[in-house]
Amino acid sequence: MKRRYFLLGGATAAVARPAAAFEITRTEAEWKAMLSAIEYKVMRGEGTERAFTSPLNAEKRAGTFLCRGCDLPLYAAETKFDSGTGWPSFWQALPGAVETKPDRSIFMTRTEVHCRRCGSHLGHIFDDGPKPTGKRHCINGVSLTFRPA
């Protein structure tokens, strides 16, 4: 075997491995079948919905916001606040519900937040939120469902 093919094969195998193992996994075909085009773009492609387009931005009832991909409870309604940004915003996730990673996709490093159970992209966390955490979880509404109390 030529060395170049061996090295290329190893590089391909390394890239093909999933970045993280999640409790709930689906094929890309399964994700596409269960999500709308915009939900798939945001949740699986780490995209962003247009501001002020989600009905959940105006949701004010008591309840819980769940991951659209796996129904994991993510945010309690009492942690939601109006940030004026056009996306549902929360000052804290439920314990153990989300994970983060650095996002260097634009000119700065942001903190990307995703569901810890299925890995679906939710949005980003910023340091300009209200007390008691000072955090703003800026979440795409298409990544969520709402369960009233």
Protein backbone atom coordinates (compact mmCIF):
# COMPACT_ATOMS: atom_id res chain seq x y z
CA MET A 1 0.00 0.00 0.00
CA LYS A 2 1.33 3.38 -0.90
CA ARG A 3 1.96 5.66 2.06
CA ARG A 4 -0.12 8.50 0.62
CA TYR A 5 -3.24 6.29 0.40
CA PHE A 6 -2.68 4.99 3.91
CA LEU A 7 -2.46 8.55 5.27
CA LEU A 8 -5.49 9.72 3.30
CA GLY A 9 -7.50 6.75 4.54
CA GLY A 10 -6.59 7.53 8.16
CA ALA A 11 -7.50 11.18 7.74
CA THR A 12 -10.84 10.24 6.22
CA ALA A 13 -11.61 7.86 9.08
CA ALA A 14 -10.76 10.52 11.66
CA VAL A 15 -13.07 13.06 10.03
CA ALA A 16 -15.89 10.53 9.65
CA ARG A 17 -16.12 9.80 13.37
CA PRO A 18 -18.88 11.61 15.29
CA ALA A 19 -17.70 14.52 17.45
CA ALA A 20 -19.59 13.22 20.48
CA ALA A 21 -21.79 10.30 21.37
CA PHE A 22 -25.27 11.26 22.50
CA GLU A 23 -27.92 9.16 24.23
CA ILE A 24 -30.31 9.67 21.33
CA THR A 25 -28.91 9.22 17.85
CA ARG A 26 -30.65 9.24 14.49
CA THR A 27 -29.51 9.00 10.90
CA GLU A 28 -29.54 12.16 8.82
CA ALA A 29 -32.49 10.67 6.91
CA GLU A 30 -34.40 10.18 10.18
CA TRP A 31 -33.67 13.77 11.28
CA LYS A 32 -34.81 15.11 7.89
CA ALA A 33 -38.02 13.08 8.07
CA MET A 34 -38.98 14.38 11.52
CA LEU A 35 -37.95 18.05 11.15
CA SER A 36 -39.05 20.84 8.84
CA ALA A 37 -36.42 22.37 6.55
CA ILE A 38 -35.72 25.29 8.93
CA GLU A 39 -35.71 23.03 12.00
CA TYR A 40 -33.17 20.76 10.29
CA LYS A 41 -31.01 23.72 9.19
CA VAL A 42 -30.91 25.12 12.73
CA MET A 43 -30.82 21.99 14.85
CA ARG A 44 -28.56 19.77 12.74
CA GLY A 45 -26.70 22.40 10.70
CA GLU A 46 -26.10 24.89 13.55
CA GLY A 47 -28.01 27.59 11.70
CA THR A 48 -30.05 30.49 13.08
CA GLU A 49 -33.71 31.29 12.50
CA ARG A 50 -34.67 34.85 11.59
CA ALA A 51 -35.27 37.08 14.61
CA PHE A 52 -38.88 37.68 15.70
CA THR A 53 -40.20 34.67 13.71
CA SER A 54 -40.77 32.19 16.56
CA PRO A 55 -44.12 32.17 18.37
CA LEU A 56 -42.21 30.97 21.44
CA ASN A 57 -40.55 34.37 21.69
CA ALA A 58 -43.87 35.71 23.04
CA GLU A 59 -44.71 32.64 25.19
CA LYS A 60 -45.37 33.79 28.77
CA ARG A 61 -47.26 30.89 30.38
CA ALA A 62 -45.86 28.78 33.20
CA GLY A 63 -44.33 25.58 31.92
CA THR A 64 -41.22 24.03 30.43
CA PHE A 65 -39.39 24.44 27.13
CA LEU A 66 -38.27 21.09 25.66
CA CYS A 67 -35.80 20.03 22.98
CA ARG A 68 -37.69 19.53 19.72
CA GLY A 69 -35.30 16.72 18.81
CA CYS A 70 -35.78 14.50 21.86
CA ASP A 71 -38.28 16.13 24.27
CA LEU A 72 -35.66 16.66 27.00
CA PRO A 73 -36.78 19.47 29.37
CA LEU A 74 -34.27 22.30 28.83
CA TYR A 75 -35.57 25.56 30.31
CA ALA A 76 -38.12 26.45 32.99
CA ALA A 77 -40.49 29.23 31.88
CA GLU A 78 -39.63 31.27 34.99
CA THR A 79 -36.06 31.72 33.66
CA LYS A 80 -37.30 33.25 30.38
CA PHE A 81 -36.99 37.00 29.88
CA ASP A 82 -37.54 39.52 27.08
CA SER A 83 -34.08 40.37 25.79
CA GLY A 84 -35.41 42.42 22.87
CA THR A 85 -33.29 40.36 20.46
CA GLY A 86 -36.14 38.49 18.77
CA TRP A 87 -35.22 35.05 20.09
CA PRO A 88 -36.47 33.26 23.21
CA SER A 89 -33.96 34.10 25.96
CA PHE A 90 -33.32 32.44 29.30
CA TRP A 91 -30.94 33.22 32.14
CA GLN A 92 -30.38 29.57 33.05
CA ALA A 93 -30.94 26.05 31.71
CA LEU A 94 -32.31 23.21 33.79
CA PRO A 95 -29.53 21.27 35.58
CA GLY A 96 -27.74 18.84 33.26
CA ALA A 97 -29.91 19.72 30.25
CA VAL A 98 -27.45 21.45 27.93
CA GLU A 99 -23.79 21.32 26.96
CA THR A 100 -21.63 23.99 25.37
CA LYS A 101 -18.69 24.28 23.01
CA PRO A 102 -16.72 27.14 21.45
CA ASP A 103 -18.15 28.44 18.16
CA ARG A 104 -15.59 30.19 15.98
CA SER A 105 -17.78 30.37 12.85
CA ILE A 106 -17.71 34.18 12.68
CA PHE A 107 -15.17 36.88 13.52
CA MET A 108 -15.35 36.14 17.26
CA THR A 109 -15.60 33.16 19.57
CA ARG A 110 -19.07 32.53 20.94
CA THR A 111 -20.41 29.83 23.24
CA GLU A 112 -22.66 27.44 21.33
CA VAL A 113 -25.29 25.58 23.36
CA HIS A 114 -26.80 22.23 22.40
CA CYS A 115 -29.04 19.56 23.90
CA ARG A 116 -26.95 17.18 25.97
CA ARG A 117 -29.15 14.19 25.05
CA CYS A 118 -29.43 14.43 21.23
CA GLY A 119 -26.84 17.10 20.36
CA SER A 120 -29.30 19.40 18.60
CA HIS A 121 -28.09 22.98 18.23
CA LEU A 122 -30.10 25.38 20.37
CA GLY A 123 -28.34 28.74 20.09
CA HIS A 124 -25.64 30.66 21.94
CA ILE A 125 -24.91 31.91 25.46
CA PHE A 126 -23.83 35.50 26.04
CA ASP A 127 -22.63 37.35 29.15
CA ASP A 128 -25.17 40.19 28.95
CA GLY A 129 -28.13 38.61 30.74
CA PRO A 130 -29.95 39.58 33.92
CA LYS A 131 -29.27 38.54 37.49
CA PRO A 132 -28.81 36.10 39.08
CA THR A 133 -26.52 34.54 36.41
CA GLY A 134 -25.68 37.43 34.09
CA LYS A 135 -26.12 34.96 31.21
CA ARG A 136 -28.39 35.17 28.18
CA HIS A 137 -29.18 31.85 26.55
CA CYS A 138 -30.27 33.11 23.12
CA ILE A 139 -32.23 30.13 21.78
CA ASN A 140 -33.74 29.41 18.37
CA GLY A 141 -37.45 28.88 18.87
CA VAL A 142 -37.52 26.16 16.19
CA SER A 143 -35.24 24.06 18.43
CA LEU A 144 -37.87 24.08 21.20
CA THR A 145 -41.37 22.94 22.02
CA PHE A 146 -43.39 24.25 24.97
CA ARG A 147 -45.24 22.18 27.56
CA PRO A 148 -47.62 24.29 29.71
CA ALA A 149 -47.66 23.62 33.46
